[in-house]
Protein backbone atom coordinates (compact mmCIF):
# COMPACT_ATOMS: atom_id res chain seq x y z
CA MET A 1 -18.51 -20.78 -10.44
CA SER A 2 -17.93 -17.99 -10.89
CA PHE A 3 -14.28 -16.22 -10.07
CA ASP A 4 -13.80 -14.07 -7.42
CA GLY A 5 -10.31 -13.63 -6.94
CA LEU A 6 -6.91 -13.95 -6.42
CA PRO A 7 -6.24 -14.27 -2.79
CA VAL A 8 -4.03 -11.28 -1.22
CA ALA A 9 -1.89 -12.20 1.32
CA PRO A 10 -1.05 -9.82 4.48
CA VAL A 11 0.66 -6.67 3.86
CA ARG A 12 3.72 -6.07 5.59
CA THR A 13 5.93 -3.58 6.42
CA LEU A 14 9.71 -4.17 6.05
CA LEU A 15 11.85 -1.02 7.52
CA SER A 16 15.66 -0.97 6.11
CA PHE A 17 18.27 -1.82 8.59
CA GLU A 18 22.69 -2.55 7.82
CA ARG A 19 21.42 -5.85 9.11
CA GLY A 20 19.06 -6.45 5.96
CA HIS A 21 14.88 -5.70 6.30
CA VAL A 22 12.79 -6.17 9.52
CA ASP A 23 9.05 -5.88 10.31
CA ILE A 24 7.96 -2.95 11.69
CA ARG A 25 5.62 -5.29 13.83
CA GLU A 26 9.22 -6.25 15.31
CA CYS A 27 10.49 -3.15 15.48
CA THR A 28 11.62 -1.29 18.86
CA GLU A 29 13.35 1.81 17.65
CA LEU A 30 14.07 2.70 14.34
CA PRO A 31 16.90 2.16 11.52
CA ARG A 32 19.47 5.31 12.42
CA VAL A 33 19.66 7.50 9.46
CA ARG A 34 22.00 10.16 8.07
CA HIS A 35 21.17 13.63 8.97
CA GLY A 36 19.01 14.49 6.12
CA ASP A 37 18.46 10.90 4.39
CA ASP A 38 15.20 9.11 3.78
CA LEU A 39 14.34 5.87 6.44
CA THR A 40 13.45 3.02 3.42
CA GLY A 41 11.76 -0.06 3.77
CA VAL A 42 9.62 -1.95 1.49
CA ILE A 43 5.84 -2.47 1.52
CA GLU A 44 5.29 -6.53 0.66
CA LEU A 45 2.22 -7.34 -1.57
CA THR A 46 1.64 -10.63 -2.85
CA ILE A 47 -1.68 -11.66 -4.52
CA GLY A 48 -2.06 -15.76 -5.62
CA GLN A 49 1.48 -16.25 -6.36
CA VAL A 50 2.46 -12.67 -7.97
CA ALA A 51 4.71 -10.56 -5.84
CA LEU A 52 2.83 -7.01 -6.92
CA LEU A 53 5.81 -5.13 -3.97
CA GLY A 54 8.73 -6.53 -2.56
CA PRO A 55 12.32 -5.88 -1.00
CA SER A 56 13.00 -4.81 -5.33
CA TRP A 57 10.31 -1.54 -4.57
CA GLU A 58 12.71 0.06 -1.48
CA SER A 59 11.15 3.36 -0.78
CA GLU A 60 11.57 6.20 1.21
CA ILE A 61 8.58 4.27 3.62
CA GLU A 62 6.77 7.15 4.65
CA GLY A 63 5.77 8.53 1.90
CA LEU A 64 5.34 5.22 -0.45
CA TRP A 65 2.30 4.43 2.60
CA GLY A 66 0.91 8.33 1.90
CA SER A 67 0.79 7.25 -1.75
CA VAL A 68 -0.95 4.07 -0.89
CA ALA A 69 -3.31 5.92 2.06
CA ASP A 70 -4.33 8.15 -1.30
CA LEU A 71 -4.40 5.47 -3.63
CA VAL A 72 -6.87 3.77 -1.61
CA ALA A 73 -9.11 7.45 -0.66
CA GLY A 74 -9.00 7.88 -4.37
CA TYR A 75 -10.40 4.58 -5.42
CA ARG A 76 -13.26 4.64 -2.85
CA ALA A 77 -14.31 8.36 -3.89
CA SER A 78 -13.78 7.77 -7.81
CA GLY A 79 -13.44 4.43 -8.78
CA ARG A 80 -9.61 4.40 -10.28
CA ALA A 81 -7.04 6.07 -8.68
CA GLU A 82 -3.13 5.66 -9.86
CA VAL A 83 -0.46 7.27 -7.69
CA SER A 84 3.74 7.61 -7.52
CA PHE A 85 6.21 5.88 -5.29
CA PRO A 86 7.79 9.61 -3.33
CA ASP A 87 11.01 8.56 -5.05
CA GLN A 88 11.22 6.36 -8.00
CA PRO A 89 9.28 6.60 -11.44
CA ALA A 90 7.06 3.79 -10.95
CA ASP A 91 3.24 3.81 -10.40
CA ILE A 92 0.48 1.83 -9.11
CA THR A 93 -2.86 1.90 -10.38
CA LEU A 94 -6.02 0.57 -9.28
CA GLU A 95 -8.95 -0.10 -11.64
CA PRO A 96 -12.31 -1.52 -11.57
CA VAL A 97 -13.25 -5.17 -12.65
CA PRO A 98 -16.68 -5.36 -12.73
CA PRO A 99 -18.57 -7.51 -11.26
CA GLY A 100 -16.68 -6.87 -8.04
CA LEU A 101 -13.06 -7.03 -8.60
CA ILE A 102 -10.50 -4.95 -8.86
CA ARG A 103 -7.13 -4.93 -11.13
CA ILE A 104 -3.74 -3.43 -9.66
CA THR A 105 -0.51 -2.72 -11.64
CA VAL A 106 2.57 -1.80 -10.17
CA ALA A 107 5.01 -0.38 -13.46
CA GLY A 108 8.29 1.34 -13.84
CA GLY A 109 10.81 1.24 -16.39
CA GLN A 110 10.95 -2.55 -17.82
CA TYR A 111 8.89 -4.43 -14.74
CA ARG A 112 4.96 -4.64 -14.90
CA GLU A 113 2.92 -6.72 -12.58
CA THR A 114 -0.79 -7.02 -12.48
CA ALA A 115 -3.04 -9.00 -10.30
CA VAL A 116 -6.77 -8.93 -10.33
CA THR A 117 -8.61 -9.75 -7.05
CA GLY A 118 -11.96 -9.07 -4.99
CA GLU A 119 -12.56 -5.30 -4.26
CA GLU A 120 -13.25 -5.40 -1.04
CA ARG A 121 -10.23 -8.04 -0.74
CA LEU A 122 -7.56 -5.72 -1.96
CA LEU A 123 -8.68 -2.65 -0.05
CA SER A 124 -9.07 -4.35 2.96
CA ALA A 125 -5.97 -5.94 2.79
CA LEU A 126 -4.27 -2.83 2.03
CA THR A 127 -6.54 -0.65 4.89
CA ALA A 128 -4.93 -3.22 7.30
CA GLY A 129 -1.52 -2.95 6.09
CA GLY A 130 -1.83 0.93 6.17
CA VAL A 131 -2.82 0.88 9.73
CA GLU A 132 -0.95 -1.48 11.13
CA PHE A 133 2.02 0.65 9.79
CA PHE A 134 1.20 4.14 10.45
CA GLU A 135 0.03 3.52 14.54
CA LYS A 136 3.04 1.74 14.80
CA PHE A 137 5.39 4.31 13.11
CA ALA A 138 3.30 6.34 15.43
CA ASP A 139 4.48 4.43 18.14
CA LEU A 140 8.18 4.77 17.12
CA THR A 141 8.80 8.57 16.38
CA GLY A 142 6.02 9.65 19.06
CA ARG A 143 4.48 11.51 15.71
CA ASN A 144 0.54 11.55 15.04
CA PHE A 145 -0.53 9.69 12.18
CA VAL A 146 -4.39 10.03 12.20
CA PRO A 147 -4.71 12.46 9.06
CA ALA A 148 -3.15 9.09 7.03
CA VAL A 149 -5.28 6.67 9.25
CA ARG A 150 -8.54 8.07 8.79
CA LYS A 151 -7.93 8.96 4.44
CA LEU A 152 -7.71 4.68 4.27
CA THR A 153 -10.26 4.00 6.92
CA ARG A 154 -12.76 6.63 5.56
CA ARG A 155 -16.33 5.36 3.56
CA SER A 156 -17.48 7.86 2.02
CA GLY A 157 -19.78 7.25 -0.49
CA ALA A 158 -20.13 10.62 -1.78
CA GLY A 159 -18.86 11.71 -5.72
CA ARG A 160 -18.45 7.28 -5.63
CA THR A 161 -18.28 5.89 -9.74
CA GLY A 162 -16.91 2.63 -8.89
CA PRO A 163 -18.24 -0.57 -8.90
CA SER A 164 -19.37 -0.60 -4.95
CA ALA A 165 -20.71 2.14 -4.83
């Protein structure tokens, strides 16, 4: 029996309110932030028993999801991708592990977590979580995030060198 990777939990976005983190799906308004401050939140990503992203990685949430959209698009285009968090010294890397698997690594400072799962399993989970975030964020802000959603969902094989090309 071949290994097809660890299970990927649904990717969730939690926004930071004074009372704690709230799932964006439950929000009817955005948290209040001071003028000039960033709206922060967390992306929760768990693969198997490994929590790669969660409360300890609170970040400027729109920028973080923008980076994840770049990560997914970059991997689909070239078969490997790395992005940095928008406001902390940490990186997320996607690398192919043939056949049809993908390694994701989150690293910053003393922290380093890695997990291997099915390539499409992870990309689909990140895409679904990102689309959910950008659609709900558009509802809450009245802004347009179509380019970010398109980046997550576009499937262009042009130039693709990765294992699922």
